[in-house]
Amino acid sequence: MRIKVLNTFLNGRDRFTKDEVREVSEEIGLHAVSVGWAEDMAGRVATGKPKQASADLVVDKINIGVGDSNG
């Protein structure tokens, strides 16, 4: 399956960069197209809409490695 990458993403060790056109397996191509990360260049599979998510990080104030531990 030939895809055009719409959003940069990682798949295992492979990095797919935005606007890159690639030949991939049907499995990878169908997944990337269905979640909206890529489009099918042949037009056989409809491109899904990527999910928008937000994340809030809560960082606790901690002290690591402070002090003498050599005796």
N, C-alpha and C. Protein backbone atom coordinates (compact mmCIF):
# COMPACT_ATOMS: atom_id res chain seq x y z
N MET A 1 0.85 -1.17 0.00
CA MET A 1 0.00 0.00 0.00
C MET A 1 0.90 1.23 0.00
N ARG A 2 0.54 2.19 -0.82
CA ARG A 2 1.31 3.44 -0.91
C ARG A 2 0.56 4.52 -0.13
N ILE A 3 1.25 5.15 0.82
CA ILE A 3 0.62 6.18 1.66
C ILE A 3 1.40 7.48 1.60
N LYS A 4 0.70 8.57 1.89
CA LYS A 4 1.33 9.87 2.11
C LYS A 4 1.10 10.22 3.57
N VAL A 5 2.17 10.50 4.27
CA VAL A 5 2.10 10.76 5.71
C VAL A 5 1.56 12.17 5.95
N LEU A 6 0.53 12.28 6.79
CA LEU A 6 -0.09 13.56 7.11
C LEU A 6 0.46 14.15 8.40
N ASN A 7 0.82 13.30 9.34
CA ASN A 7 1.39 13.72 10.63
C ASN A 7 2.54 12.79 10.97
N THR A 8 3.64 13.35 11.44
CA THR A 8 4.79 12.54 11.81
C THR A 8 4.40 11.57 12.93
N PHE A 9 4.79 10.29 12.76
CA PHE A 9 4.51 9.28 13.78
C PHE A 9 5.57 8.20 13.74
N LEU A 10 5.65 7.44 14.83
CA LEU A 10 6.57 6.32 14.94
C LEU A 10 5.77 5.03 14.90
N ASN A 11 6.34 4.02 14.24
CA ASN A 11 5.76 2.69 14.23
C ASN A 11 6.90 1.71 14.44
N GLY A 12 7.03 1.22 15.67
CA GLY A 12 8.17 0.38 16.00
C GLY A 12 9.45 1.20 15.86
N ARG A 13 10.36 0.74 15.01
CA ARG A 13 11.62 1.47 14.79
C ARG A 13 11.53 2.45 13.63
N ASP A 14 10.41 2.43 12.91
CA ASP A 14 10.26 3.29 11.74
C ASP A 14 9.69 4.65 12.13
N ARG A 15 10.27 5.70 11.56
CA ARG A 15 9.76 7.06 11.74
C ARG A 15 9.15 7.49 10.41
N PHE A 16 7.89 7.88 10.45
CA PHE A 16 7.19 8.36 9.28
C PHE A 16 7.08 9.88 9.41
N THR A 17 7.65 10.60 8.47
CA THR A 17 7.73 12.05 8.54
C THR A 17 6.66 12.69 7.65
N LYS A 18 6.07 13.78 8.14
CA LYS A 18 5.01 14.48 7.42
C LYS A 18 5.40 14.75 5.96
N ASP A 19 4.45 14.54 5.06
CA ASP A 19 4.57 14.74 3.61
C ASP A 19 5.42 13.69 2.90
N GLU A 20 5.90 12.70 3.62
CA GLU A 20 6.67 11.61 3.03
C GLU A 20 5.70 10.63 2.33
N VAL A 21 6.08 10.11 1.19
CA VAL A 21 5.30 9.10 0.48
C VAL A 21 6.07 7.79 0.59
N ARG A 22 5.37 6.72 1.04
CA ARG A 22 6.02 5.45 1.30
C ARG A 22 5.19 4.27 0.85
N GLU A 23 5.88 3.20 0.54
CA GLU A 23 5.24 1.91 0.27
C GLU A 23 5.34 1.11 1.57
N VAL A 24 4.19 0.71 2.14
CA VAL A 24 4.17 -0.03 3.40
C VAL A 24 3.27 -1.25 3.26
N SER A 25 3.32 -2.12 4.27
CA SER A 25 2.44 -3.30 4.27
C SER A 25 0.99 -2.85 4.41
N GLU A 26 0.07 -3.71 4.00
CA GLU A 26 -1.36 -3.39 4.12
C GLU A 26 -1.73 -3.12 5.57
N GLU A 27 -1.18 -3.92 6.49
CA GLU A 27 -1.52 -3.77 7.91
C GLU A 27 -1.13 -2.40 8.43
N ILE A 28 0.10 -1.99 8.19
CA ILE A 28 0.56 -0.68 8.65
C ILE A 28 -0.20 0.44 7.95
N GLY A 29 -0.37 0.30 6.64
CA GLY A 29 -1.08 1.32 5.88
C GLY A 29 -2.51 1.51 6.33
N LEU A 30 -3.24 0.41 6.50
CA LEU A 30 -4.63 0.50 6.93
C LEU A 30 -4.76 1.16 8.30
N HIS A 31 -3.86 0.81 9.21
CA HIS A 31 -3.91 1.42 10.55
C HIS A 31 -3.61 2.92 10.47
N ALA A 32 -2.54 3.30 9.77
CA ALA A 32 -2.16 4.71 9.68
C ALA A 32 -3.26 5.54 9.02
N VAL A 33 -3.89 5.01 8.00
CA VAL A 33 -4.96 5.73 7.30
C VAL A 33 -6.21 5.81 8.17
N SER A 34 -6.55 4.72 8.85
CA SER A 34 -7.77 4.70 9.66
C SER A 34 -7.73 5.66 10.84
N VAL A 35 -6.54 5.93 11.37
CA VAL A 35 -6.42 6.87 12.50
C VAL A 35 -6.07 8.28 12.05
N GLY A 36 -5.97 8.50 10.75
CA GLY A 36 -5.77 9.84 10.23
C GLY A 36 -4.34 10.32 10.18
N TRP A 37 -3.38 9.41 10.31
CA TRP A 37 -1.97 9.80 10.26
C TRP A 37 -1.45 9.85 8.84
N ALA A 38 -2.15 9.17 7.91
CA ALA A 38 -1.71 9.08 6.52
C ALA A 38 -2.93 8.97 5.62
N GLU A 39 -2.70 9.15 4.31
CA GLU A 39 -3.77 8.94 3.34
C GLU A 39 -3.34 7.91 2.33
N ASP A 40 -4.30 7.14 1.85
CA ASP A 40 -4.06 6.11 0.84
C ASP A 40 -3.91 6.79 -0.51
N MET A 41 -2.76 6.63 -1.15
CA MET A 41 -2.49 7.29 -2.43
C MET A 41 -3.40 6.76 -3.54
N ALA A 42 -3.89 5.53 -3.41
CA ALA A 42 -4.78 4.94 -4.42
C ALA A 42 -6.23 5.37 -4.20
N GLY A 43 -6.52 5.92 -3.02
CA GLY A 43 -7.88 6.37 -2.72
C GLY A 43 -8.86 5.27 -2.39
N ARG A 44 -8.38 4.06 -2.10
CA ARG A 44 -9.25 2.93 -1.78
C ARG A 44 -9.77 2.97 -0.35
N VAL A 45 -9.02 3.60 0.53
CA VAL A 45 -9.39 3.62 1.95
C VAL A 45 -9.61 5.06 2.38
N ALA A 46 -10.75 5.31 3.03
CA ALA A 46 -11.06 6.66 3.51
C ALA A 46 -10.14 7.03 4.68
N THR A 47 -9.67 8.25 4.67
CA THR A 47 -8.78 8.74 5.73
C THR A 47 -9.60 9.09 6.96
N GLY A 48 -9.20 8.55 8.10
CA GLY A 48 -9.89 8.84 9.36
C GLY A 48 -9.49 10.20 9.90
N LYS A 49 -10.17 10.61 10.96
CA LYS A 49 -9.83 11.87 11.61
C LYS A 49 -8.97 11.57 12.83
N PRO A 50 -7.82 12.26 12.95
CA PRO A 50 -6.99 12.01 14.13
C PRO A 50 -7.69 12.48 15.40
N LYS A 51 -7.52 11.72 16.46
CA LYS A 51 -8.10 12.10 17.75
C LYS A 51 -7.25 13.20 18.37
N GLN A 52 -7.91 14.18 18.91
CA GLN A 52 -7.21 15.26 19.61
C GLN A 52 -7.22 14.92 21.09
N ALA A 53 -6.08 14.96 21.67
CA ALA A 53 -5.96 14.65 23.10
C ALA A 53 -5.08 15.70 23.77
N SER A 54 -5.35 15.90 25.02
CA SER A 54 -4.49 16.80 25.79
C SER A 54 -4.05 16.07 27.04
N ALA A 55 -2.94 16.48 27.56
CA ALA A 55 -2.41 15.85 28.76
C ALA A 55 -1.88 16.91 29.70
N ASP A 56 -2.17 16.75 30.95
CA ASP A 56 -1.64 17.63 31.97
C ASP A 56 -0.62 16.85 32.78
N LEU A 57 0.54 17.42 32.96
CA LEU A 57 1.58 16.77 33.75
C LEU A 57 1.62 17.41 35.13
N VAL A 58 1.66 16.58 36.14
CA VAL A 58 1.81 17.04 37.51
C VAL A 58 3.17 16.57 37.98
N VAL A 59 4.06 17.50 38.24
CA VAL A 59 5.42 17.16 38.64
C VAL A 59 5.56 17.43 40.13
N ASP A 60 5.92 16.37 40.86
CA ASP A 60 6.16 16.51 42.29
C ASP A 60 7.57 17.04 42.52
N LYS A 61 7.69 17.92 43.50
CA LYS A 61 9.02 18.42 43.85
C LYS A 61 9.71 17.34 44.67
N ILE A 62 10.83 16.87 44.13
CA ILE A 62 11.58 15.82 44.83
C ILE A 62 13.05 16.17 44.84
N ASN A 63 13.78 15.58 45.75
CA ASN A 63 15.22 15.76 45.84
C ASN A 63 15.87 14.40 45.69
N ILE A 64 16.58 14.21 44.62
CA ILE A 64 17.26 12.95 44.37
C ILE A 64 18.77 13.21 44.32
N GLY A 65 19.47 12.36 44.97
CA GLY A 65 20.93 12.46 44.92
C GLY A 65 21.50 13.65 45.70
N VAL A 66 20.75 14.12 46.66
CA VAL A 66 21.22 15.25 47.46
C VAL A 66 21.77 14.71 48.77
N GLY A 67 22.98 15.08 49.07
CA GLY A 67 23.58 14.63 50.31
C GLY A 67 24.75 13.71 50.08
N ASP A 68 25.44 13.38 51.15
CA ASP A 68 26.62 12.54 51.10
C ASP A 68 26.24 11.14 51.51
N SER A 69 26.48 10.18 50.62
CA SER A 69 26.13 8.80 50.96
C SER A 69 27.37 7.91 51.04
N ASN A 70 28.55 8.53 51.14
CA ASN A 70 29.79 7.75 51.18
C ASN A 70 30.28 7.50 52.59
N GLY A 71 29.48 7.73 53.55
CA GLY A 71 29.89 7.38 54.89
C GLY A 71 30.12 8.51 55.75
